[in-house]
């Protein structure tokens, strides 16, 4: 939840900022517009958002933090049932919490975390060792990894690797 707005309500949609957060437009819009540097604009927005995030916290904060911690430390490979069991909640309740606070399901979020871990591993290694690489990052097989790369990156792992190698030259 950001500034009192459940993220699941706005996922994958385009909304006018003043319709969602009219106080944002009133309080900070003019100051951001008047700021000359991009870094200054970012600082103003960051300050405003961090202040707003602190408002309206609920008792679920530690639960959300624990769930996210488990997803990240497991590199997206912890099963949804195991996540729920470790926090002693139902998978249905966990789905509602993720929809409200993250804006997507725990499964989808875990898939993104696993993909990011694989991308970071690929960047560090500078190569892909096929099926062994896929298994190291929790994919069932190489085809499973390729599908995720196509879904999240828009291209195969080899194309992504070629782009990363090209960036470092």
C-alpha atoms as a PDB file:
ATOM      1  CA  UNK A   1       0.000   0.000   0.000  1.00  0.00           C
ATOM      2  CA  UNK A   2       1.408   3.349  -1.002  1.00  0.00           C
ATOM      3  CA  UNK A   3      -0.033   6.501   0.524  1.00  0.00           C
ATOM      4  CA  UNK A   4      -3.149   4.626   1.598  1.00  0.00           C
ATOM      5  CA  UNK A   5      -3.907   3.240  -1.858  1.00  0.00           C
ATOM      6  CA  UNK A   6      -4.011  -0.572  -2.336  1.00  0.00           C
ATOM      7  CA  UNK A   7      -1.614  -1.341  -5.189  1.00  0.00           C
ATOM      8  CA  UNK A   8      -3.761  -4.174  -6.522  1.00  0.00           C
ATOM      9  CA  UNK A   9      -6.435  -1.615  -7.423  1.00  0.00           C
ATOM     10  CA  UNK A  10      -4.076   0.239  -9.740  1.00  0.00           C
ATOM     11  CA  UNK A  11      -1.893  -2.542 -11.156  1.00  0.00           C
ATOM     12  CA  UNK A  12      -1.501  -2.445 -14.941  1.00  0.00           C
ATOM     13  CA  UNK A  13      -3.506   0.746 -15.334  1.00  0.00           C
ATOM     14  CA  UNK A  14      -2.838   4.354 -16.206  1.00  0.00           C
ATOM     15  CA  UNK A  15      -4.324   6.907 -13.851  1.00  0.00           C
ATOM     16  CA  UNK A  16      -4.083  10.673 -13.723  1.00  0.00           C
ATOM     17  CA  UNK A  17      -1.885  11.562 -10.772  1.00  0.00           C
ATOM     18  CA  UNK A  18      -4.226  14.284  -9.541  1.00  0.00           C
ATOM     19  CA  UNK A  19      -7.124  11.791  -9.531  1.00  0.00           C
ATOM     20  CA  UNK A  20      -5.184   9.354  -7.336  1.00  0.00           C
ATOM     21  CA  UNK A  21      -3.226  11.765  -5.124  1.00  0.00           C
ATOM     22  CA  UNK A  22      -4.689  15.259  -5.397  1.00  0.00           C
ATOM     23  CA  UNK A  23      -2.590  16.360  -2.414  1.00  0.00           C
ATOM     24  CA  UNK A  24       0.544  15.388  -4.348  1.00  0.00           C
ATOM     25  CA  UNK A  25      -0.320  17.767  -7.133  1.00  0.00           C
ATOM     26  CA  UNK A  26      -1.203  20.542  -4.682  1.00  0.00           C
ATOM     27  CA  UNK A  27       1.679  20.051  -2.259  1.00  0.00           C
ATOM     28  CA  UNK A  28       4.611  19.248  -4.448  1.00  0.00           C
ATOM     29  CA  UNK A  29       3.661  19.578  -8.098  1.00  0.00           C
ATOM     30  CA  UNK A  30       4.625  23.221  -8.383  1.00  0.00           C
ATOM     31  CA  UNK A  31       7.911  22.730  -6.513  1.00  0.00           C
ATOM     32  CA  UNK A  32       8.871  19.839  -8.809  1.00  0.00           C
ATOM     33  CA  UNK A  33       7.955  21.890 -11.871  1.00  0.00           C
ATOM     34  CA  UNK A  34      10.071  24.836 -10.662  1.00  0.00           C
ATOM     35  CA  UNK A  35      13.112  22.674  -9.869  1.00  0.00           C
ATOM     36  CA  UNK A  36      15.640  22.951 -12.714  1.00  0.00           C
ATOM     37  CA  UNK A  37      17.708  19.814 -12.238  1.00  0.00           C
ATOM     38  CA  UNK A  38      16.457  16.283 -12.717  1.00  0.00           C
ATOM     39  CA  UNK A  39      18.302  15.196  -9.555  1.00  0.00           C
ATOM     40  CA  UNK A  40      16.494  17.920  -7.616  1.00  0.00           C
ATOM     41  CA  UNK A  41      13.124  16.771  -8.957  1.00  0.00           C
ATOM     42  CA  UNK A  42      13.940  13.219  -7.923  1.00  0.00           C
ATOM     43  CA  UNK A  43      14.958  14.357  -4.417  1.00  0.00           C
ATOM     44  CA  UNK A  44      11.696  16.280  -3.967  1.00  0.00           C
ATOM     45  CA  UNK A  45       9.550  13.353  -5.098  1.00  0.00           C
ATOM     46  CA  UNK A  46      11.554  10.846  -3.104  1.00  0.00           C
ATOM     47  CA  UNK A  47      11.191  12.927   0.036  1.00  0.00           C
ATOM     48  CA  UNK A  48       7.449  13.319  -0.487  1.00  0.00           C
ATOM     49  CA  UNK A  49       6.883   9.627  -1.192  1.00  0.00           C
ATOM     50  CA  UNK A  50       8.999   8.438   1.734  1.00  0.00           C
ATOM     51  CA  UNK A  51       7.076  10.727   4.054  1.00  0.00           C
ATOM     52  CA  UNK A  52       3.767   9.428   2.686  1.00  0.00           C
ATOM     53  CA  UNK A  53       4.763   5.785   2.936  1.00  0.00           C
ATOM     54  CA  UNK A  54       5.157   6.173   6.697  1.00  0.00           C
ATOM     55  CA  UNK A  55       1.484   7.109   7.054  1.00  0.00           C
ATOM     56  CA  UNK A  56      -1.243   4.544   7.458  1.00  0.00           C
ATOM     57  CA  UNK A  57       0.935   1.579   8.379  1.00  0.00           C
ATOM     58  CA  UNK A  58      -0.895  -1.403   9.784  1.00  0.00           C
ATOM     59  CA  UNK A  59       0.006  -4.433  11.836  1.00  0.00           C
ATOM     60  CA  UNK A  60       0.728  -6.305   8.592  1.00  0.00           C
ATOM     61  CA  UNK A  61       3.985  -4.384   8.083  1.00  0.00           C
ATOM     62  CA  UNK A  62       6.146  -7.044   9.741  1.00  0.00           C
ATOM     63  CA  UNK A  63       4.248  -9.795   7.933  1.00  0.00           C
ATOM     64  CA  UNK A  64       4.826  -8.128   4.564  1.00  0.00           C
ATOM     65  CA  UNK A  65       8.501  -7.580   5.417  1.00  0.00           C
ATOM     66  CA  UNK A  66       8.904 -11.223   6.444  1.00  0.00           C
ATOM     67  CA  UNK A  67       7.227 -12.483   3.275  1.00  0.00           C
ATOM     68  CA  UNK A  68       9.371 -10.271   1.057  1.00  0.00           C
ATOM     69  CA  UNK A  69      12.499 -11.289   2.966  1.00  0.00           C
ATOM     70  CA  UNK A  70      11.710 -14.959   2.386  1.00  0.00           C
ATOM     71  CA  UNK A  71      11.037 -14.409  -1.329  1.00  0.00           C
ATOM     72  CA  UNK A  72      14.282 -12.466  -1.821  1.00  0.00           C
ATOM     73  CA  UNK A  73      16.506 -14.782   0.236  1.00  0.00           C
ATOM     74  CA  UNK A  74      15.032 -17.765  -1.604  1.00  0.00           C
ATOM     75  CA  UNK A  75      15.737 -15.983  -4.920  1.00  0.00           C
ATOM     76  CA  UNK A  76      12.075 -16.467  -5.844  1.00  0.00           C
ATOM     77  CA  UNK A  77      12.215 -20.242  -5.464  1.00  0.00           C
ATOM     78  CA  UNK A  78      10.288 -20.695  -2.210  1.00  0.00           C
ATOM     79  CA  UNK A  79       6.904 -22.278  -2.893  1.00  0.00           C
ATOM     80  CA  UNK A  80       3.800 -20.250  -2.140  1.00  0.00           C
ATOM     81  CA  UNK A  81       2.579 -22.922   0.271  1.00  0.00           C
ATOM     82  CA  UNK A  82       5.904 -22.848   2.128  1.00  0.00           C
ATOM     83  CA  UNK A  83       5.831 -19.045   2.372  1.00  0.00           C
ATOM     84  CA  UNK A  84       2.340 -19.136   3.853  1.00  0.00           C
ATOM     85  CA  UNK A  85       3.185 -21.972   6.239  1.00  0.00           C
ATOM     86  CA  UNK A  86       6.294 -20.196   7.558  1.00  0.00           C
ATOM     87  CA  UNK A  87       4.238 -17.100   8.360  1.00  0.00           C
ATOM     88  CA  UNK A  88       1.299 -19.182   9.662  1.00  0.00           C
ATOM     89  CA  UNK A  89      -1.245 -17.698   7.271  1.00  0.00           C
ATOM     90  CA  UNK A  90      -3.365 -19.179   4.526  1.00  0.00           C
ATOM     91  CA  UNK A  91      -2.317 -18.876   0.898  1.00  0.00           C
ATOM     92  CA  UNK A  92      -5.552 -16.983   0.272  1.00  0.00           C
ATOM     93  CA  UNK A  93      -4.691 -14.420   2.962  1.00  0.00           C
ATOM     94  CA  UNK A  94      -1.157 -14.141   1.578  1.00  0.00           C
ATOM     95  CA  UNK A  95      -2.564 -13.487  -1.904  1.00  0.00           C
ATOM     96  CA  UNK A  96      -4.733 -10.674  -0.525  1.00  0.00           C
ATOM     97  CA  UNK A  97      -1.746  -9.147   1.300  1.00  0.00           C
ATOM     98  CA  UNK A  98       0.430  -9.248  -1.824  1.00  0.00           C
ATOM     99  CA  UNK A  99      -2.339  -7.733  -3.950  1.00  0.00           C
ATOM    100  CA  UNK A 100      -2.791  -4.904  -1.458  1.00  0.00           C
ATOM    101  CA  UNK A 101       0.866  -4.142  -0.698  1.00  0.00           C
ATOM    102  CA  UNK A 102       2.764  -5.279  -3.808  1.00  0.00           C
ATOM    103  CA  UNK A 103       0.087  -5.104  -6.501  1.00  0.00           C
ATOM    104  CA  UNK A 104       0.500  -8.652  -7.780  1.00  0.00           C
ATOM    105  CA  UNK A 105       0.310 -12.252  -6.596  1.00  0.00           C
ATOM    106  CA  UNK A 106       3.108 -13.870  -4.566  1.00  0.00           C
ATOM    107  CA  UNK A 107       3.689 -16.333  -7.433  1.00  0.00           C
ATOM    108  CA  UNK A 108       4.130 -13.577 -10.017  1.00  0.00           C
ATOM    109  CA  UNK A 109       6.357 -11.591  -7.652  1.00  0.00           C
ATOM    110  CA  UNK A 110       8.476 -14.704  -6.986  1.00  0.00           C
ATOM    111  CA  UNK A 111       8.791 -15.301 -10.734  1.00  0.00           C
ATOM    112  CA  UNK A 112      10.123 -11.758 -11.182  1.00  0.00           C
ATOM    113  CA  UNK A 113      12.594 -12.184  -8.296  1.00  0.00           C
ATOM    114  CA  UNK A 114      13.832 -15.497  -9.761  1.00  0.00           C
ATOM    115  CA  UNK A 115      14.227 -13.868 -13.185  1.00  0.00           C
ATOM    116  CA  UNK A 116      16.165 -10.943 -11.680  1.00  0.00           C
ATOM    117  CA  UNK A 117      18.444 -13.357  -9.817  1.00  0.00           C
ATOM    118  CA  UNK A 118      19.118 -15.239 -13.056  1.00  0.00           C
ATOM    119  CA  UNK A 119      19.823 -11.982 -14.908  1.00  0.00           C
ATOM    120  CA  UNK A 120      22.255 -10.865 -12.196  1.00  0.00           C
ATOM    121  CA  UNK A 121      23.963 -14.261 -12.264  1.00  0.00           C
ATOM    122  CA  UNK A 122      24.239 -14.100 -16.032  1.00  0.00           C
ATOM    123  CA  UNK A 123      25.736 -10.591 -15.877  1.00  0.00           C
ATOM    124  CA  UNK A 124      28.318 -11.655 -13.279  1.00  0.00           C
ATOM    125  CA  UNK A 125      29.277 -14.853 -15.073  1.00  0.00           C
ATOM    126  CA  UNK A 126      29.234 -13.292 -18.518  1.00  0.00           C
ATOM    127  CA  UNK A 127      27.944 -16.554 -19.934  1.00  0.00           C
ATOM    128  CA  UNK A 128      25.114 -19.091 -19.752  1.00  0.00           C
ATOM    129  CA  UNK A 129      25.883 -22.742 -19.274  1.00  0.00           C
ATOM    130  CA  UNK A 130      22.512 -23.951 -20.559  1.00  0.00           C
ATOM    131  CA  UNK A 131      20.475 -26.356 -18.471  1.00  0.00           C
ATOM    132  CA  UNK A 132      22.871 -26.249 -15.509  1.00  0.00           C
ATOM    133  CA  UNK A 133      22.454 -22.470 -15.296  1.00  0.00           C
ATOM    134  CA  UNK A 134      18.654 -22.807 -15.437  1.00  0.00           C
ATOM    135  CA  UNK A 135      18.641 -25.407 -12.653  1.00  0.00           C
ATOM    136  CA  UNK A 136      20.933 -23.251 -10.478  1.00  0.00           C
ATOM    137  CA  UNK A 137      18.311 -20.511 -10.541  1.00  0.00           C
ATOM    138  CA  UNK A 138      15.321 -22.720  -9.785  1.00  0.00           C
ATOM    139  CA  UNK A 139      13.973 -23.339 -13.265  1.00  0.00           C
ATOM    140  CA  UNK A 140      12.729 -26.830 -14.084  1.00  0.00           C
ATOM    141  CA  UNK A 141      14.624 -26.866 -17.357  1.00  0.00           C
ATOM    142  CA  UNK A 142      16.184 -24.586 -19.938  1.00  0.00           C
ATOM    143  CA  UNK A 143      12.872 -24.102 -21.786  1.00  0.00           C
ATOM    144  CA  UNK A 144      11.261 -22.838 -18.567  1.00  0.00           C
ATOM    145  CA  UNK A 145      14.036 -20.243 -18.189  1.00  0.00           C
ATOM    146  CA  UNK A 146      13.737 -19.197 -21.841  1.00  0.00           C
ATOM    147  CA  UNK A 147       9.969 -18.662 -21.416  1.00  0.00           C
ATOM    148  CA  UNK A 148      10.589 -16.381 -18.414  1.00  0.00           C
ATOM    149  CA  UNK A 149      13.216 -14.404 -20.317  1.00  0.00           C
ATOM    150  CA  UNK A 150      10.822 -13.953 -23.220  1.00  0.00           C
ATOM    151  CA  UNK A 151       8.037 -12.917 -20.835  1.00  0.00           C
ATOM    152  CA  UNK A 152      10.035 -10.465 -18.700  1.00  0.00           C
ATOM    153  CA  UNK A 153      12.888  -9.370 -20.971  1.00  0.00           C
ATOM    154  CA  UNK A 154      11.232  -9.739 -24.352  1.00  0.00           C
ATOM    155  CA  UNK A 155      14.062 -11.852 -25.772  1.00  0.00           C
ATOM    156  CA  UNK A 156      15.966 -15.078 -25.167  1.00  0.00           C
ATOM    157  CA  UNK A 157      18.715 -15.390 -22.546  1.00  0.00           C
ATOM    158  CA  UNK A 158      21.352 -15.428 -25.322  1.00  0.00           C
ATOM    159  CA  UNK A 159      20.072 -12.143 -26.729  1.00  0.00           C
ATOM    160  CA  UNK A 160      20.052 -10.644 -23.222  1.00  0.00           C
ATOM    161  CA  UNK A 161      23.596 -11.883 -22.597  1.00  0.00           C
ATOM    162  CA  UNK A 162      24.730 -10.397 -25.901  1.00  0.00           C
ATOM    163  CA  UNK A 163      23.232  -7.061 -24.916  1.00  0.00           C
ATOM    164  CA  UNK A 164      24.933  -7.146 -21.500  1.00  0.00           C
ATOM    165  CA  UNK A 165      28.295  -8.012 -23.020  1.00  0.00           C
ATOM    166  CA  UNK A 166      27.826  -5.244 -25.584  1.00  0.00           C
ATOM    167  CA  UNK A 167      27.075  -2.749 -22.782  1.00  0.00           C
ATOM    168  CA  UNK A 168      30.280  -3.509 -20.939  1.00  0.00           C
ATOM    169  CA  UNK A 169      32.531  -2.893 -23.973  1.00  0.00           C
END
